[in-house]
């Protein structure tokens, strides 16, 4: 099925794809957040997604642990 621009229509993600995407975002955030500051540069030079940070702060600790470990819920 194609839309008016001729490109294939986007499909919605199912439950397991959404969870996998969310787990990947949380794992990437954890790696970037935990990275050590580089020498002789600004100590606040870490780049990570502030939206993911806000989402993680609102999460239940058990849910966060599950996503970081990439376990099935």
C-alpha atoms as a PDB file:
ATOM      1  CA  UNK A   1       0.000   0.000   0.000  1.00  0.00           C
ATOM      2  CA  UNK A   2       1.360   3.448  -0.893  1.00  0.00           C
ATOM      3  CA  UNK A   3       0.496   6.946   0.255  1.00  0.00           C
ATOM      4  CA  UNK A   4      -0.050   9.977  -1.979  1.00  0.00           C
ATOM      5  CA  UNK A   5       3.699  10.606  -2.355  1.00  0.00           C
ATOM      6  CA  UNK A   6       4.286   7.117  -3.745  1.00  0.00           C
ATOM      7  CA  UNK A   7       6.225   5.946  -0.688  1.00  0.00           C
ATOM      8  CA  UNK A   8       5.210   2.773   1.136  1.00  0.00           C
ATOM      9  CA  UNK A   9       2.789   3.470   3.987  1.00  0.00           C
ATOM     10  CA  UNK A  10       4.285   3.396   7.486  1.00  0.00           C
ATOM     11  CA  UNK A  11       3.063   0.627   9.706  1.00  0.00           C
ATOM     12  CA  UNK A  12       2.578   0.782  13.434  1.00  0.00           C
ATOM     13  CA  UNK A  13       4.903  -1.067  15.765  1.00  0.00           C
ATOM     14  CA  UNK A  14       3.543  -4.014  17.696  1.00  0.00           C
ATOM     15  CA  UNK A  15       3.972  -4.435  21.465  1.00  0.00           C
ATOM     16  CA  UNK A  16       7.246  -6.380  21.322  1.00  0.00           C
ATOM     17  CA  UNK A  17       8.776  -3.957  18.785  1.00  0.00           C
ATOM     18  CA  UNK A  18       7.843  -0.986  20.989  1.00  0.00           C
ATOM     19  CA  UNK A  19       9.410  -2.666  24.027  1.00  0.00           C
ATOM     20  CA  UNK A  20      12.576  -3.504  22.089  1.00  0.00           C
ATOM     21  CA  UNK A  21      12.861   0.079  20.826  1.00  0.00           C
ATOM     22  CA  UNK A  22      12.336   1.462  24.326  1.00  0.00           C
ATOM     23  CA  UNK A  23      14.910  -0.961  25.778  1.00  0.00           C
ATOM     24  CA  UNK A  24      17.450   0.084  23.132  1.00  0.00           C
ATOM     25  CA  UNK A  25      16.870   3.764  23.927  1.00  0.00           C
ATOM     26  CA  UNK A  26      17.326   3.167  27.663  1.00  0.00           C
ATOM     27  CA  UNK A  27      20.490   1.107  27.125  1.00  0.00           C
ATOM     28  CA  UNK A  28      21.981   3.771  24.835  1.00  0.00           C
ATOM     29  CA  UNK A  29      21.136   6.456  27.398  1.00  0.00           C
ATOM     30  CA  UNK A  30      22.795   4.455  30.188  1.00  0.00           C
ATOM     31  CA  UNK A  31      25.983   4.025  28.132  1.00  0.00           C
ATOM     32  CA  UNK A  32      26.140   7.720  27.225  1.00  0.00           C
ATOM     33  CA  UNK A  33      25.266   8.899  30.742  1.00  0.00           C
ATOM     34  CA  UNK A  34      27.866   6.655  32.393  1.00  0.00           C
ATOM     35  CA  UNK A  35      30.679   7.690  30.035  1.00  0.00           C
ATOM     36  CA  UNK A  36      33.584   9.368  31.780  1.00  0.00           C
ATOM     37  CA  UNK A  37      34.306  13.016  30.988  1.00  0.00           C
ATOM     38  CA  UNK A  38      37.215  13.573  28.650  1.00  0.00           C
ATOM     39  CA  UNK A  39      40.418  15.095  29.972  1.00  0.00           C
ATOM     40  CA  UNK A  40      41.097  18.770  29.413  1.00  0.00           C
ATOM     41  CA  UNK A  41      37.642  19.415  28.050  1.00  0.00           C
ATOM     42  CA  UNK A  42      34.469  20.702  29.533  1.00  0.00           C
ATOM     43  CA  UNK A  43      33.261  18.255  32.207  1.00  0.00           C
ATOM     44  CA  UNK A  44      29.672  18.598  30.996  1.00  0.00           C
ATOM     45  CA  UNK A  45      30.441  17.425  27.443  1.00  0.00           C
ATOM     46  CA  UNK A  46      28.271  14.316  27.573  1.00  0.00           C
ATOM     47  CA  UNK A  47      25.550  14.183  24.945  1.00  0.00           C
ATOM     48  CA  UNK A  48      22.400  12.240  25.694  1.00  0.00           C
ATOM     49  CA  UNK A  49      18.686  12.581  25.073  1.00  0.00           C
ATOM     50  CA  UNK A  50      17.006  14.752  27.719  1.00  0.00           C
ATOM     51  CA  UNK A  51      13.569  13.336  26.844  1.00  0.00           C
ATOM     52  CA  UNK A  52      14.755   9.804  27.605  1.00  0.00           C
ATOM     53  CA  UNK A  53      16.262  11.096  30.861  1.00  0.00           C
ATOM     54  CA  UNK A  54      12.901  12.586  31.902  1.00  0.00           C
ATOM     55  CA  UNK A  55      11.108   9.354  30.961  1.00  0.00           C
ATOM     56  CA  UNK A  56      13.578   7.286  32.989  1.00  0.00           C
ATOM     57  CA  UNK A  57      13.096   9.502  36.045  1.00  0.00           C
ATOM     58  CA  UNK A  58       9.339   8.810  35.909  1.00  0.00           C
ATOM     59  CA  UNK A  59       9.789   5.037  35.496  1.00  0.00           C
ATOM     60  CA  UNK A  60       9.281   2.436  38.159  1.00  0.00           C
ATOM     61  CA  UNK A  61      12.690   1.014  39.255  1.00  0.00           C
ATOM     62  CA  UNK A  62      11.618  -2.523  38.350  1.00  0.00           C
ATOM     63  CA  UNK A  63      10.639  -1.472  34.829  1.00  0.00           C
ATOM     64  CA  UNK A  64      13.927   0.379  34.364  1.00  0.00           C
ATOM     65  CA  UNK A  65      15.922  -2.642  35.532  1.00  0.00           C
ATOM     66  CA  UNK A  66      14.037  -4.881  33.108  1.00  0.00           C
ATOM     67  CA  UNK A  67      14.676  -2.520  30.185  1.00  0.00           C
ATOM     68  CA  UNK A  68      18.372  -2.126  30.966  1.00  0.00           C
ATOM     69  CA  UNK A  69      18.815  -5.889  31.200  1.00  0.00           C
ATOM     70  CA  UNK A  70      16.634  -6.312  28.064  1.00  0.00           C
ATOM     71  CA  UNK A  71      14.503  -9.002  29.660  1.00  0.00           C
ATOM     72  CA  UNK A  72      10.987  -9.932  28.640  1.00  0.00           C
ATOM     73  CA  UNK A  73       8.289  -8.252  30.704  1.00  0.00           C
END
